[in-house]
Amino acid sequence: MKQIIDKIRGLHLYAFGILKRIYQWTLSWAHKKYSSAALFVLAFTESSFFPIPPDVLQIALSVSKPKKSFFYALLSSIGSVLGGIFGYFIGMFLFD
């Protein structure tokens, strides 16, 4: 029984490590020159096919520059809507 619990614990720590690296990678974009473009691309791809939400980057950008937080929300929303439309066309044309 102890071996099973250790395997589950190890799997959990492995999954957490992967998520932590993705989280750190996403946060690293907050300090780049093209952070707004990265937010748009991340929102677009998340709503189409990529499973990483843009919320982490949007929160980091909004906290670092509070006066531009509504701009970041609008940018993320537009990217998400356009990505959803693109995802719809992916399903419509590539389903068969």
Protein backbone atom coordinates (compact mmCIF):
# COMPACT_ATOMS: atom_id res chain seq x y z
CA MET A 1 0.00 0.00 0.00
CA LYS A 2 2.86 2.37 0.82
CA GLN A 3 4.36 1.82 -2.65
CA ILE A 4 1.10 2.81 -4.32
CA ILE A 5 0.88 5.97 -2.24
CA ASP A 6 4.50 6.83 -3.07
CA LYS A 7 3.80 6.36 -6.80
CA ILE A 8 0.77 8.62 -6.61
CA ARG A 9 2.75 11.22 -4.69
CA GLY A 10 5.57 11.06 -7.22
CA LEU A 11 3.15 11.45 -10.13
CA HIS A 12 1.54 14.44 -8.43
CA LEU A 13 4.92 16.11 -7.89
CA TYR A 14 5.90 15.42 -11.51
CA ALA A 15 2.67 16.97 -12.82
CA PHE A 16 3.11 19.93 -10.50
CA GLY A 17 6.66 20.42 -11.78
CA ILE A 18 5.48 20.55 -15.39
CA LEU A 19 2.74 23.02 -14.53
CA LYS A 20 5.17 25.12 -12.51
CA ARG A 21 7.56 25.35 -15.50
CA ILE A 22 4.72 26.36 -17.84
CA TYR A 23 3.56 28.92 -15.27
CA GLN A 24 7.08 30.38 -14.99
CA TRP A 25 7.42 30.45 -18.78
CA THR A 26 4.13 32.33 -19.07
CA LEU A 27 5.14 34.82 -16.39
CA SER A 28 8.47 35.44 -18.12
CA TRP A 29 6.57 37.07 -20.99
CA ALA A 30 5.32 39.81 -18.65
CA HIS A 31 8.77 41.44 -18.70
CA LYS A 32 9.35 41.28 -22.45
CA LYS A 33 8.98 44.00 -25.04
CA TYR A 34 6.24 42.12 -26.90
CA SER A 35 4.14 41.18 -23.87
CA SER A 36 0.92 42.57 -25.38
CA ALA A 37 1.41 40.55 -28.55
CA ALA A 38 2.20 37.47 -26.46
CA LEU A 39 -1.05 37.97 -24.52
CA PHE A 40 -3.04 38.21 -27.76
CA VAL A 41 -1.38 35.12 -29.26
CA LEU A 42 -1.82 33.16 -26.04
CA ALA A 43 -5.53 34.09 -25.83
CA PHE A 44 -6.01 33.22 -29.51
CA THR A 45 -4.31 29.84 -29.29
CA GLU A 46 -5.94 28.95 -25.97
CA SER A 47 -9.42 29.33 -27.39
CA SER A 48 -8.50 27.31 -30.49
CA PHE A 49 -6.31 24.41 -29.45
CA PHE A 50 -3.74 25.26 -26.73
CA PRO A 51 -4.72 24.31 -23.15
CA ILE A 52 -2.83 27.07 -21.29
CA PRO A 53 -5.12 29.95 -20.21
CA PRO A 54 -3.93 33.53 -20.77
CA ASP A 55 -5.15 34.60 -17.32
CA VAL A 56 -1.74 34.17 -15.70
CA LEU A 57 -0.06 36.53 -18.15
CA GLN A 58 -2.98 38.96 -18.09
CA ILE A 59 -2.88 39.17 -14.29
CA ALA A 60 0.90 39.67 -14.29
CA LEU A 61 0.63 42.44 -16.88
CA SER A 62 -2.30 44.12 -15.14
CA VAL A 63 -0.55 44.12 -11.78
CA SER A 64 2.67 45.50 -13.25
CA LYS A 65 0.86 48.24 -15.23
CA PRO A 66 -2.53 48.95 -13.58
CA LYS A 67 -3.38 51.84 -15.91
CA LYS A 68 -3.31 49.48 -18.91
CA SER A 69 -5.31 46.67 -17.26
CA PHE A 70 -8.47 47.36 -19.27
CA PHE A 71 -6.42 47.38 -22.45
CA TYR A 72 -5.01 43.96 -21.55
CA ALA A 73 -8.52 42.66 -20.81
CA LEU A 74 -9.78 43.95 -24.16
CA LEU A 75 -6.79 42.50 -25.99
CA SER A 76 -7.30 39.12 -24.35
CA SER A 77 -11.03 39.17 -25.12
CA ILE A 78 -10.49 40.00 -28.79
CA GLY A 79 -7.85 37.30 -29.12
CA SER A 80 -10.12 34.78 -27.44
CA VAL A 81 -13.11 35.57 -29.68
CA LEU A 82 -11.02 35.41 -32.85
CA GLY A 83 -9.44 32.16 -31.67
CA GLY A 84 -12.89 30.72 -30.99
CA ILE A 85 -13.96 31.58 -34.52
CA PHE A 86 -10.78 29.96 -35.84
CA GLY A 87 -11.44 26.87 -33.71
CA TYR A 88 -14.95 26.66 -35.12
CA PHE A 89 -13.58 26.68 -38.68
CA ILE A 90 -11.01 24.03 -37.73
CA GLY A 91 -13.85 21.78 -36.60
CA MET A 92 -16.07 22.63 -39.54
CA PHE A 93 -13.53 22.01 -42.30
CA LEU A 94 -11.24 19.37 -40.80
CA PHE A 95 -13.81 17.17 -39.04
CA ASP A 96 -14.23 14.73 -41.90
